[in-house]
Amino acid sequence: MNLQQLANEHCQPRKGAEHALDNARTNELLRALPGWSLAADGKAISKNFKFSDFHRTIGFVNALAYFANREDHHPDLEVGYGHCRVRWSTHDVGGLSLNDFICAAKTEVLL
């Protein structure tokens, strides 16, 4: 699955360990997301985004918040002047689900 295919998908309710992705599928999907990295514990993916000023950073955060709410899947964000770290995980599965990769792809196409 490539970036655009992932971005065109929509999140589905995923609860329970049976929805957690294994290492092979995680690595396969991660290849479609330029600049995203896997957390050391394998339970999240993240990327740091840089912007020229705070206004653009907050514009990005607001757009991300809009689609995250629409998808009912929400990231952890670290926001500062000119940067935003986005971290996706699925707490209900205890790690990563397809929803995380869908939302990471949607984050990419915001730019």
PDB file of N, CA and C in Angstrom:
ATOM      1  N   MET A   1       0.845  -1.169   0.000  1.00  0.00           N
ATOM      2  CA  MET A   1       0.000   0.000   0.000  1.00  0.00           C
ATOM      3  C   MET A   1       0.893   1.235   0.000  1.00  0.00           C
ATOM      4  N   ASN A   2       0.584   2.212  -0.855  1.00  0.00           N
ATOM      5  CA  ASN A   2       1.410   3.411  -0.903  1.00  0.00           C
ATOM      6  C   ASN A   2       0.761   4.554  -0.112  1.00  0.00           C
ATOM      7  N   LEU A   3       1.443   5.690  -0.068  1.00  0.00           N
ATOM      8  CA  LEU A   3       0.990   6.830   0.717  1.00  0.00           C
ATOM      9  C   LEU A   3      -0.419   7.267   0.333  1.00  0.00           C
ATOM     10  N   GLN A   4      -0.679   7.444  -0.950  1.00  0.00           N
ATOM     11  CA  GLN A   4      -1.986   7.926  -1.380  1.00  0.00           C
ATOM     12  C   GLN A   4      -3.098   6.921  -1.072  1.00  0.00           C
ATOM     13  N   GLN A   5      -2.809   5.641  -1.259  1.00  0.00           N
ATOM     14  CA  GLN A   5      -3.809   4.618  -0.927  1.00  0.00           C
ATOM     15  C   GLN A   5      -4.155   4.654   0.557  1.00  0.00           C
ATOM     16  N   LEU A   6      -3.149   4.779   1.404  1.00  0.00           N
ATOM     17  CA  LEU A   6      -3.392   4.874   2.846  1.00  0.00           C
ATOM     18  C   LEU A   6      -4.206   6.126   3.172  1.00  0.00           C
ATOM     19  N   ALA A   7      -3.840   7.254   2.566  1.00  0.00           N
ATOM     20  CA  ALA A   7      -4.530   8.518   2.851  1.00  0.00           C
ATOM     21  C   ALA A   7      -5.990   8.484   2.421  1.00  0.00           C
ATOM     22  N   ASN A   8      -6.311   7.670   1.449  1.00  0.00           N
ATOM     23  CA  ASN A   8      -7.696   7.566   0.972  1.00  0.00           C
ATOM     24  C   ASN A   8      -8.566   6.655   1.840  1.00  0.00           C
ATOM     25  N   GLU A   9      -7.948   5.906   2.738  1.00  0.00           N
ATOM     26  CA  GLU A   9      -8.691   5.010   3.634  1.00  0.00           C
ATOM     27  C   GLU A   9      -9.302   5.802   4.783  1.00  0.00           C
ATOM     28  N   HIS A  10     -10.189   5.156   5.534  1.00  0.00           N
ATOM     29  CA  HIS A  10     -10.774   5.758   6.728  1.00  0.00           C
ATOM     30  C   HIS A  10     -10.611   4.804   7.902  1.00  0.00           C
ATOM     31  N   CYS A  11     -10.459   5.387   9.081  1.00  0.00           N
ATOM     32  CA  CYS A  11     -10.282   4.595  10.288  1.00  0.00           C
ATOM     33  C   CYS A  11     -11.554   3.818  10.614  1.00  0.00           C
ATOM     34  N   GLN A  12     -11.337   2.645  11.192  1.00  0.00           N
ATOM     35  CA  GLN A  12     -12.413   1.778  11.666  1.00  0.00           C
ATOM     36  C   GLN A  12     -12.185   1.536  13.154  1.00  0.00           C
ATOM     37  N   PRO A  13     -13.242   1.293  13.916  1.00  0.00           N
ATOM     38  CA  PRO A  13     -13.029   0.958  15.330  1.00  0.00           C
ATOM     39  C   PRO A  13     -12.147  -0.299  15.450  1.00  0.00           C
ATOM     40  N   ARG A  14     -11.095  -0.198  16.215  1.00  0.00           N
ATOM     41  CA  ARG A  14     -10.181  -1.329  16.406  1.00  0.00           C
ATOM     42  C   ARG A  14      -9.869  -1.425  17.889  1.00  0.00           C
ATOM     43  N   LYS A  15     -10.394  -2.456  18.509  1.00  0.00           N
ATOM     44  CA  LYS A  15     -10.171  -2.684  19.942  1.00  0.00           C
ATOM     45  C   LYS A  15      -9.711  -4.129  20.128  1.00  0.00           C
ATOM     46  N   GLY A  16      -8.721  -4.292  20.961  1.00  0.00           N
ATOM     47  CA  GLY A  16      -8.220  -5.625  21.258  1.00  0.00           C
ATOM     48  C   GLY A  16      -6.940  -5.943  20.514  1.00  0.00           C
ATOM     49  N   ALA A  17      -6.167  -6.820  21.098  1.00  0.00           N
ATOM     50  CA  ALA A  17      -4.854  -7.180  20.566  1.00  0.00           C
ATOM     51  C   ALA A  17      -4.911  -7.792  19.177  1.00  0.00           C
ATOM     52  N   GLU A  18      -6.056  -8.354  18.792  1.00  0.00           N
ATOM     53  CA  GLU A  18      -6.153  -8.966  17.459  1.00  0.00           C
ATOM     54  C   GLU A  18      -6.019  -7.930  16.336  1.00  0.00           C
ATOM     55  N   HIS A  19      -6.158  -6.640  16.666  1.00  0.00           N
ATOM     56  CA  HIS A  19      -6.011  -5.583  15.658  1.00  0.00           C
ATOM     57  C   HIS A  19      -4.609  -4.976  15.646  1.00  0.00           C
ATOM     58  N   ALA A  20      -3.753  -5.411  16.549  1.00  0.00           N
ATOM     59  CA  ALA A  20      -2.373  -4.911  16.575  1.00  0.00           C
ATOM     60  C   ALA A  20      -1.610  -5.493  15.390  1.00  0.00           C
ATOM     61  N   LEU A  21      -0.808  -4.645  14.758  1.00  0.00           N
ATOM     62  CA  LEU A  21      -0.025  -5.092  13.610  1.00  0.00           C
ATOM     63  C   LEU A  21       1.239  -5.801  14.056  1.00  0.00           C
ATOM     64  N   ASP A  22       1.620  -6.816  13.306  1.00  0.00           N
ATOM     65  CA  ASP A  22       2.884  -7.498  13.605  1.00  0.00           C
ATOM     66  C   ASP A  22       4.039  -6.698  12.999  1.00  0.00           C
ATOM     67  N   ASN A  23       5.271  -7.101  13.314  1.00  0.00           N
ATOM     68  CA  ASN A  23       6.454  -6.371  12.865  1.00  0.00           C
ATOM     69  C   ASN A  23       6.563  -6.299  11.344  1.00  0.00           C
ATOM     70  N   ALA A  24       6.257  -7.378  10.665  1.00  0.00           N
ATOM     71  CA  ALA A  24       6.377  -7.398   9.201  1.00  0.00           C
ATOM     72  C   ALA A  24       5.424  -6.390   8.566  1.00  0.00           C
ATOM     73  N   ARG A  25       4.171  -6.389   9.012  1.00  0.00           N
ATOM     74  CA  ARG A  25       3.181  -5.458   8.440  1.00  0.00           C
ATOM     75  C   ARG A  25       3.517  -4.018   8.829  1.00  0.00           C
ATOM     76  N   THR A  26       3.975  -3.806  10.049  1.00  0.00           N
ATOM     77  CA  THR A  26       4.381  -2.473  10.494  1.00  0.00           C
ATOM     78  C   THR A  26       5.489  -1.937   9.598  1.00  0.00           C
ATOM     79  N   ASN A  27       6.510  -2.732   9.357  1.00  0.00           N
ATOM     80  CA  ASN A  27       7.636  -2.293   8.526  1.00  0.00           C
ATOM     81  C   ASN A  27       7.214  -2.063   7.083  1.00  0.00           C
ATOM     82  N   GLU A  28       6.323  -2.887   6.573  1.00  0.00           N
ATOM     83  CA  GLU A  28       5.810  -2.712   5.214  1.00  0.00           C
ATOM     84  C   GLU A  28       5.087  -1.364   5.085  1.00  0.00           C
ATOM     85  N   LEU A  29       4.205  -1.068   6.008  1.00  0.00           N
ATOM     86  CA  LEU A  29       3.449   0.184   5.955  1.00  0.00           C
ATOM     87  C   LEU A  29       4.333   1.395   6.221  1.00  0.00           C
ATOM     88  N   LEU A  30       5.317   1.246   7.076  1.00  0.00           N
ATOM     89  CA  LEU A  30       6.217   2.345   7.398  1.00  0.00           C
ATOM     90  C   LEU A  30       7.008   2.801   6.167  1.00  0.00           C
ATOM     91  N   ARG A  31       7.295   1.887   5.269  1.00  0.00           N
ATOM     92  CA  ARG A  31       8.016   2.244   4.034  1.00  0.00           C
ATOM     93  C   ARG A  31       7.224   3.222   3.164  1.00  0.00           C
ATOM     94  N   ALA A  32       5.917   3.279   3.327  1.00  0.00           N
ATOM     95  CA  ALA A  32       5.080   4.190   2.543  1.00  0.00           C
ATOM     96  C   ALA A  32       5.055   5.603   3.131  1.00  0.00           C
ATOM     97  N   LEU A  33       5.661   5.791   4.299  1.00  0.00           N
ATOM     98  CA  LEU A  33       5.581   7.065   5.009  1.00  0.00           C
ATOM     99  C   LEU A  33       6.970   7.696   5.154  1.00  0.00           C
ATOM    100  N   PRO A  34       7.327   8.589   4.249  1.00  0.00           N
ATOM    101  CA  PRO A  34       8.665   9.186   4.290  1.00  0.00           C
ATOM    102  C   PRO A  34       8.920   9.975   5.576  1.00  0.00           C
ATOM    103  N   GLY A  35      10.026   9.669   6.240  1.00  0.00           N
ATOM    104  CA  GLY A  35      10.433  10.411   7.424  1.00  0.00           C
ATOM    105  C   GLY A  35       9.804   9.966   8.733  1.00  0.00           C
ATOM    106  N   TRP A  36       8.877   9.022   8.676  1.00  0.00           N
ATOM    107  CA  TRP A  36       8.260   8.519   9.903  1.00  0.00           C
ATOM    108  C   TRP A  36       9.142   7.441  10.501  1.00  0.00           C
ATOM    109  N   SER A  37       9.158   7.379  11.825  1.00  0.00           N
ATOM    110  CA  SER A  37       9.983   6.367  12.488  1.00  0.00           C
ATOM    111  C   SER A  37       9.169   5.624  13.535  1.00  0.00           C
ATOM    112  N   LEU A  38       9.626   4.438  13.792  1.00  0.00           N
ATOM    113  CA  LEU A  38       9.002   3.548  14.765  1.00  0.00           C
ATOM    114  C   LEU A  38       9.622   3.808  16.133  1.00  0.00           C
ATOM    115  N   ALA A  39       8.790   3.930  17.154  1.00  0.00           N
ATOM    116  CA  ALA A  39       9.280   4.105  18.525  1.00  0.00           C
ATOM    117  C   ALA A  39      10.091   2.881  18.938  1.00  0.00           C
ATOM    118  N   ALA A  40      10.989   3.074  19.868  1.00  0.00           N
ATOM    119  CA  ALA A  40      11.859   1.982  20.323  1.00  0.00           C
ATOM    120  C   ALA A  40      11.055   0.789  20.819  1.00  0.00           C
ATOM    121  N   ASP A  41       9.902   1.042  21.437  1.00  0.00           N
ATOM    122  CA  ASP A  41       9.085  -0.060  21.942  1.00  0.00           C
ATOM    123  C   ASP A  41       8.183  -0.674  20.872  1.00  0.00           C
ATOM    124  N   GLY A  42       8.191  -0.091  19.650  1.00  0.00           N
ATOM    125  CA  GLY A  42       7.392  -0.612  18.550  1.00  0.00           C
ATOM    126  C   GLY A  42       5.909  -0.328  18.659  1.00  0.00           C
ATOM    127  N   LYS A  43       5.518   0.554  19.574  1.00  0.00           N
ATOM    128  CA  LYS A  43       4.092   0.791  19.821  1.00  0.00           C
ATOM    129  C   LYS A  43       3.588   2.131  19.311  1.00  0.00           C
ATOM    130  N   ALA A  44       4.409   2.859  18.560  1.00  0.00           N
ATOM    131  CA  ALA A  44       3.993   4.151  18.021  1.00  0.00           C
ATOM    132  C   ALA A  44       4.871   4.502  16.823  1.00  0.00           C
ATOM    133  N   ILE A  45       4.352   5.377  15.976  1.00  0.00           N
ATOM    134  CA  ILE A  45       5.140   5.963  14.897  1.00  0.00           C
ATOM    135  C   ILE A  45       5.092   7.469  15.072  1.00  0.00           C
ATOM    136  N   SER A  46       6.178   8.144  14.685  1.00  0.00           N
ATOM    137  CA  SER A  46       6.216   9.586  14.873  1.00  0.00           C
ATOM    138  C   SER A  46       7.046  10.265  13.799  1.00  0.00           C
ATOM    139  N   LYS A  47       6.813  11.569  13.693  1.00  0.00           N
ATOM    140  CA  LYS A  47       7.581  12.404  12.771  1.00  0.00           C
ATOM    141  C   LYS A  47       7.578  13.829  13.298  1.00  0.00           C
ATOM    142  N   ASN A  48       8.703  14.513  13.102  1.00  0.00           N
ATOM    143  CA  ASN A  48       8.817  15.928  13.449  1.00  0.00           C
ATOM    144  C   ASN A  48       8.619  16.758  12.194  1.00  0.00           C
ATOM    145  N   PHE A  49       7.742  17.737  12.276  1.00  0.00           N
ATOM    146  CA  PHE A  49       7.464  18.641  11.166  1.00  0.00           C
ATOM    147  C   PHE A  49       8.001  20.024  11.525  1.00  0.00           C
ATOM    148  N   LYS A  50       8.649  20.680  10.564  1.00  0.00           N
ATOM    149  CA  LYS A  50       9.224  22.021  10.771  1.00  0.00           C
ATOM    150  C   LYS A  50       8.441  23.039   9.952  1.00  0.00           C
ATOM    151  N   PHE A  51       8.273  24.225  10.528  1.00  0.00           N
ATOM    152  CA  PHE A  51       7.555  25.313   9.888  1.00  0.00           C
ATOM    153  C   PHE A  51       8.328  26.613  10.095  1.00  0.00           C
ATOM    154  N   SER A  52       8.035  27.596   9.277  1.00  0.00           N
ATOM    155  CA  SER A  52       8.787  28.850   9.347  1.00  0.00           C
ATOM    156  C   SER A  52       8.374  29.747  10.516  1.00  0.00           C
ATOM    157  N   ASP A  53       7.192  29.525  11.069  1.00  0.00           N
ATOM    158  CA  ASP A  53       6.754  30.354  12.184  1.00  0.00           C
ATOM    159  C   ASP A  53       5.638  29.651  12.963  1.00  0.00           C
ATOM    160  N   PHE A  54       5.232  30.276  14.056  1.00  0.00           N
ATOM    161  CA  PHE A  54       4.223  29.685  14.923  1.00  0.00           C
ATOM    162  C   PHE A  54       2.863  29.627  14.241  1.00  0.00           C
ATOM    163  N   HIS A  55       2.532  30.661  13.486  1.00  0.00           N
ATOM    164  CA  HIS A  55       1.245  30.708  12.790  1.00  0.00           C
ATOM    165  C   HIS A  55       1.071  29.499  11.865  1.00  0.00           C
ATOM    166  N   ARG A  56       2.083  29.164  11.084  1.00  0.00           N
ATOM    167  CA  ARG A  56       2.006  28.006  10.181  1.00  0.00           C
ATOM    168  C   ARG A  56       1.944  26.696  10.969  1.00  0.00           C
ATOM    169  N   THR A  57       2.671  26.643  12.072  1.00  0.00           N
ATOM    170  CA  THR A  57       2.629  25.455  12.927  1.00  0.00           C
ATOM    171  C   THR A  57       1.212  25.214  13.426  1.00  0.00           C
ATOM    172  N   ILE A  58       0.575  26.251  13.937  1.00  0.00           N
ATOM    173  CA  ILE A  58      -0.775  26.109  14.478  1.00  0.00           C
ATOM    174  C   ILE A  58      -1.787  25.832  13.369  1.00  0.00           C
ATOM    175  N   GLY A  59      -1.580  26.380  12.183  1.00  0.00           N
ATOM    176  CA  GLY A  59      -2.444  26.047  11.043  1.00  0.00           C
ATOM    177  C   GLY A  59      -2.398  24.556  10.751  1.00  0.00           C
ATOM    178  N   PHE A  60      -1.196  23.996  10.756  1.00  0.00           N
ATOM    179  CA  PHE A  60      -1.008  22.561  10.556  1.00  0.00           C
ATOM    180  C   PHE A  60      -1.714  21.767  11.664  1.00  0.00           C
ATOM    181  N   VAL A  61      -1.519  22.185  12.902  1.00  0.00           N
ATOM    182  CA  VAL A  61      -2.137  21.496  14.044  1.00  0.00           C
ATOM    183  C   VAL A  61      -3.662  21.535  13.931  1.00  0.00           C
ATOM    184  N   ASN A  62      -4.211  22.676  13.554  1.00  0.00           N
ATOM    185  CA  ASN A  62      -5.663  22.785  13.425  1.00  0.00           C
ATOM    186  C   ASN A  62      -6.196  21.891  12.314  1.00  0.00           C
ATOM    187  N   ALA A  63      -5.504  21.829  11.178  1.00  0.00           N
ATOM    188  CA  ALA A  63      -5.931  20.947  10.083  1.00  0.00           C
ATOM    189  C   ALA A  63      -5.844  19.488  10.510  1.00  0.00           C
ATOM    190  N   LEU A  64      -4.768  19.139  11.210  1.00  0.00           N
ATOM    191  CA  LEU A  64      -4.609  17.777  11.701  1.00  0.00           C
ATOM    192  C   LEU A  64      -5.718  17.439  12.704  1.00  0.00           C
ATOM    193  N   ALA A  65      -6.012  18.363  13.602  1.00  0.00           N
ATOM    194  CA  ALA A  65      -7.059  18.133  14.598  1.00  0.00           C
ATOM    195  C   ALA A  65      -8.413  17.927  13.930  1.00  0.00           C
ATOM    196  N   TYR A  66      -8.657  18.655  12.862  1.00  0.00           N
ATOM    197  CA  TYR A  66      -9.932  18.525  12.152  1.00  0.00           C
ATOM    198  C   TYR A  66     -10.107  17.111  11.606  1.00  0.00           C
ATOM    199  N   PHE A  67      -9.104  16.616  10.851  1.00  0.00           N
ATOM    200  CA  PHE A  67      -9.286  15.275  10.281  1.00  0.00           C
ATOM    201  C   PHE A  67      -9.194  14.191  11.349  1.00  0.00           C
ATOM    202  N   ALA A  68      -8.374  14.389  12.390  1.00  0.00           N
ATOM    203  CA  ALA A  68      -8.275  13.386  13.465  1.00  0.00           C
ATOM    204  C   ALA A  68      -9.620  13.226  14.169  1.00  0.00           C
ATOM    205  N   ASN A  69     -10.293  14.326  14.396  1.00  0.00           N
ATOM    206  CA  ASN A  69     -11.601  14.256  15.025  1.00  0.00           C
ATOM    207  C   ASN A  69     -12.606  13.571  14.107  1.00  0.00           C
ATOM    208  N   ARG A  70     -12.550  13.886  12.816  1.00  0.00           N
ATOM    209  CA  ARG A  70     -13.442  13.262  11.835  1.00  0.00           C
ATOM    210  C   ARG A  70     -13.197  11.749  11.769  1.00  0.00           C
ATOM    211  N   GLU A  71     -11.944  11.325  11.884  1.00  0.00           N
ATOM    212  CA  GLU A  71     -11.596   9.900  11.836  1.00  0.00           C
ATOM    213  C   GLU A  71     -11.762   9.225  13.196  1.00  0.00           C
ATOM    214  N   ASP A  72     -11.992  10.008  14.241  1.00  0.00           N
ATOM    215  CA  ASP A  72     -12.093   9.512  15.619  1.00  0.00           C
ATOM    216  C   ASP A  72     -10.843   8.730  16.027  1.00  0.00           C
ATOM    217  N   HIS A  73      -9.695   9.291  15.641  1.00  0.00           N
ATOM    218  CA  HIS A  73      -8.396   8.713  16.000  1.00  0.00           C
ATOM    219  C   HIS A  73      -7.461   9.899  16.237  1.00  0.00           C
ATOM    220  N   HIS A  74      -6.892   9.988  17.417  1.00  0.00           N
ATOM    221  CA  HIS A  74      -6.227  11.218  17.832  1.00  0.00           C
ATOM    222  C   HIS A  74      -4.760  10.979  18.181  1.00  0.00           C
ATOM    223  N   PRO A  75      -3.874  11.853  17.703  1.00  0.00           N
ATOM    224  CA  PRO A  75      -2.442  11.702  17.966  1.00  0.00           C
ATOM    225  C   PRO A  75      -2.024  12.379  19.268  1.00  0.00           C
ATOM    226  N   ASP A  76      -0.820  12.075  19.684  1.00  0.00           N
ATOM    227  CA  ASP A  76      -0.144  12.860  20.709  1.00  0.00           C
ATOM    228  C   ASP A  76       0.666  13.902  19.955  1.00  0.00           C
ATOM    229  N   LEU A  77       0.588  15.149  20.388  1.00  0.00           N
ATOM    230  CA  LEU A  77       1.277  16.247  19.717  1.00  0.00           C
ATOM    231  C   LEU A  77       2.192  16.968  20.692  1.00  0.00           C
ATOM    232  N   GLU A  78       3.348  17.366  20.182  1.00  0.00           N
ATOM    233  CA  GLU A  78       4.259  18.253  20.903  1.00  0.00           C
ATOM    234  C   GLU A  78       4.444  19.459  19.996  1.00  0.00           C
ATOM    235  N   VAL A  79       3.971  20.612  20.432  1.00  0.00           N
ATOM    236  CA  VAL A  79       3.925  21.790  19.578  1.00  0.00           C
ATOM    237  C   VAL A  79       4.767  22.907  20.177  1.00  0.00           C
ATOM    238  N   GLY A  80       5.556  23.551  19.324  1.00  0.00           N
ATOM    239  CA  GLY A  80       6.345  24.705  19.729  1.00  0.00           C
ATOM    240  C   GLY A  80       6.510  25.644  18.558  1.00  0.00           C
ATOM    241  N   TYR A  81       7.279  26.683  18.754  1.00  0.00           N
ATOM    242  CA  TYR A  81       7.495  27.658  17.689  1.00  0.00           C
ATOM    243  C   TYR A  81       8.211  26.978  16.519  1.00  0.00           C
ATOM    244  N   GLY A  82       7.516  26.862  15.392  1.00  0.00           N
ATOM    245  CA  GLY A  82       8.133  26.333  14.180  1.00  0.00           C
ATOM    246  C   GLY A  82       8.273  24.823  14.118  1.00  0.00           C
ATOM    247  N   HIS A  83       7.657  24.103  15.025  1.00  0.00           N
ATOM    248  CA  HIS A  83       7.765  22.645  14.942  1.00  0.00           C
ATOM    249  C   HIS A  83       6.573  21.957  15.599  1.00  0.00           C
ATOM    250  N   CYS A  84       6.318  20.747  15.146  1.00  0.00           N
ATOM    251  CA  CYS A  84       5.274  19.910  15.734  1.00  0.00           C
ATOM    252  C   CYS A  84       5.704  18.453  15.588  1.00  0.00           C
ATOM    253  N   ARG A  85       5.748  17.749  16.690  1.00  0.00           N
ATOM    254  CA  ARG A  85       6.017  16.312  16.679  1.00  0.00           C
ATOM    255  C   ARG A  85       4.673  15.604  16.773  1.00  0.00           C
ATOM    256  N   VAL A  86       4.415  14.729  15.802  1.00  0.00           N
ATOM    257  CA  VAL A  86       3.167  13.980  15.741  1.00  0.00           C
ATOM    258  C   VAL A  86       3.466  12.524  16.044  1.00  0.00           C
ATOM    259  N   ARG A  87       2.709  11.952  16.962  1.00  0.00           N
ATOM    260  CA  ARG A  87       2.917  10.557  17.364  1.00  0.00           C
ATOM    261  C   ARG A  87       1.575   9.835  17.316  1.00  0.00           C
ATOM    262  N   TRP A  88       1.518   8.778  16.494  1.00  0.00           N
ATOM    263  CA  TRP A  88       0.295   7.970  16.366  1.00  0.00           C
ATOM    264  C   TRP A  88       0.488   6.608  17.023  1.00  0.00           C
ATOM    265  N   SER A  89      -0.510   6.174  17.773  1.00  0.00           N
ATOM    266  CA  SER A  89      -0.566   4.819  18.325  1.00  0.00           C
ATOM    267  C   SER A  89      -2.036   4.511  18.593  1.00  0.00           C
ATOM    268  N   THR A  90      -2.330   3.248  18.824  1.00  0.00           N
ATOM    269  CA  THR A  90      -3.710   2.854  19.130  1.00  0.00           C
ATOM    270  C   THR A  90      -3.722   2.219  20.509  1.00  0.00           C
ATOM    271  N   HIS A  91      -4.113   2.999  21.495  1.00  0.00           N
ATOM    272  CA  HIS A  91      -4.099   2.521  22.879  1.00  0.00           C
ATOM    273  C   HIS A  91      -4.995   1.299  23.061  1.00  0.00           C
ATOM    274  N   ASP A  92      -6.101   1.256  22.321  1.00  0.00           N
ATOM    275  CA  ASP A  92      -7.058   0.144  22.469  1.00  0.00           C
ATOM    276  C   ASP A  92      -6.523  -1.201  21.976  1.00  0.00           C
ATOM    277  N   VAL A  93      -5.416  -1.194  21.215  1.00  0.00           N
ATOM    278  CA  VAL A  93      -4.819  -2.470  20.791  1.00  0.00           C
ATOM    279  C   VAL A  93      -3.462  -2.692  21.457  1.00  0.00           C
ATOM    280  N   GLY A  94      -3.011  -1.710  22.222  1.00  0.00           N
ATOM    281  CA  GLY A  94      -1.731  -1.842  22.908  1.00  0.00           C
ATOM    282  C   GLY A  94      -0.536  -1.681  21.999  1.00  0.00           C
ATOM    283  N   GLY A  95      -0.702  -0.960  20.901  1.00  0.00           N
ATOM    284  CA  GLY A  95       0.401  -0.755  19.965  1.00  0.00           C
ATOM    285  C   GLY A  95      -0.081  -0.050  18.718  1.00  0.00           C
ATOM    286  N   LEU A  96       0.300  -0.595  17.589  1.00  0.00           N
ATOM    287  CA  LEU A  96      -0.041   0.010  16.298  1.00  0.00           C
ATOM    288  C   LEU A  96      -1.153  -0.749  15.601  1.00  0.00           C
ATOM    289  N   SER A  97      -2.056   0.012  14.997  1.00  0.00           N
ATOM    290  CA  SER A  97      -3.098  -0.569  14.151  1.00  0.00           C
ATOM    291  C   SER A  97      -3.032   0.108  12.788  1.00  0.00           C
ATOM    292  N   LEU A  98      -3.801  -0.386  11.858  1.00  0.00           N
ATOM    293  CA  LEU A  98      -3.867   0.229  10.538  1.00  0.00           C
ATOM    294  C   LEU A  98      -4.295   1.694  10.646  1.00  0.00           C
ATOM    295  N   ASN A  99      -5.107   2.041  11.619  1.00  0.00           N
ATOM    296  CA  ASN A  99      -5.551   3.424  11.799  1.00  0.00           C
ATOM    297  C   ASN A  99      -4.379   4.393  11.939  1.00  0.00           C
ATOM    298  N   ASP A 100      -3.317   3.972  12.601  1.00  0.00           N
ATOM    299  CA  ASP A 100      -2.160   4.848  12.792  1.00  0.00           C
ATOM    300  C   ASP A 100      -1.498   5.190  11.463  1.00  0.00           C
ATOM    301  N   PHE A 101      -1.400   4.230  10.592  1.00  0.00           N
ATOM    302  CA  PHE A 101      -0.770   4.451   9.297  1.00  0.00           C
ATOM    303  C   PHE A 101      -1.675   5.243   8.360  1.00  0.00           C
ATOM    304  N   ILE A 102      -2.966   5.023   8.462  1.00  0.00           N
ATOM    305  CA  ILE A 102      -3.931   5.825   7.689  1.00  0.00           C
ATOM    306  C   ILE A 102      -3.804   7.287   8.105  1.00  0.00           C
ATOM    307  N   CYS A 103      -3.779   7.543   9.388  1.00  0.00           N
ATOM    308  CA  CYS A 103      -3.717   8.922   9.864  1.00  0.00           C
ATOM    309  C   CYS A 103      -2.342   9.557   9.620  1.00  0.00           C
ATOM    310  N   ALA A 104      -1.283   8.785   9.686  1.00  0.00           N
ATOM    311  CA  ALA A 104       0.032   9.327   9.345  1.00  0.00           C
ATOM    312  C   ALA A 104       0.065   9.734   7.874  1.00  0.00           C
ATOM    313  N   ALA A 105      -0.535   8.934   7.004  1.00  0.00           N
ATOM    314  CA  ALA A 105      -0.605   9.277   5.581  1.00  0.00           C
ATOM    315  C   ALA A 105      -1.446  10.539   5.381  1.00  0.00           C
ATOM    316  N   LYS A 106      -2.554  10.650   6.094  1.00  0.00           N
ATOM    317  CA  LYS A 106      -3.382  11.853   6.005  1.00  0.00           C
ATOM    318  C   LYS A 106      -2.594  13.068   6.500  1.00  0.00           C
ATOM    319  N   THR A 107      -1.772  12.889   7.508  1.00  0.00           N
ATOM    320  CA  THR A 107      -0.924  13.971   8.010  1.00  0.00           C
ATOM    321  C   THR A 107       0.043  14.417   6.900  1.00  0.00           C
ATOM    322  N   GLU A 108       0.640  13.463   6.225  1.00  0.00           N
ATOM    323  CA  GLU A 108       1.570  13.786   5.128  1.00  0.00           C
ATOM    324  C   GLU A 108       0.910  14.608   4.033  1.00  0.00           C
ATOM    325  N   VAL A 109      -0.300  14.252   3.648  1.00  0.00           N
ATOM    326  CA  VAL A 109      -0.931  14.961   2.528  1.00  0.00           C
ATOM    327  C   VAL A 109      -1.434  16.342   2.916  1.00  0.00           C
ATOM    328  N   LEU A 110      -1.443  16.668   4.211  1.00  0.00           N
ATOM    329  CA  LEU A 110      -1.766  18.033   4.609  1.00  0.00           C
ATOM    330  C   LEU A 110      -0.745  19.018   4.052  1.00  0.00           C
ATOM    331  N   LEU A 111       0.481  18.570   3.914  1.00  0.00           N
ATOM    332  CA  LEU A 111       1.553  19.456   3.477  1.00  0.00           C
ATOM    333  C   LEU A 111       1.573  19.565   1.982  1.00  0.00           C
TER     334      LEU A 111
END
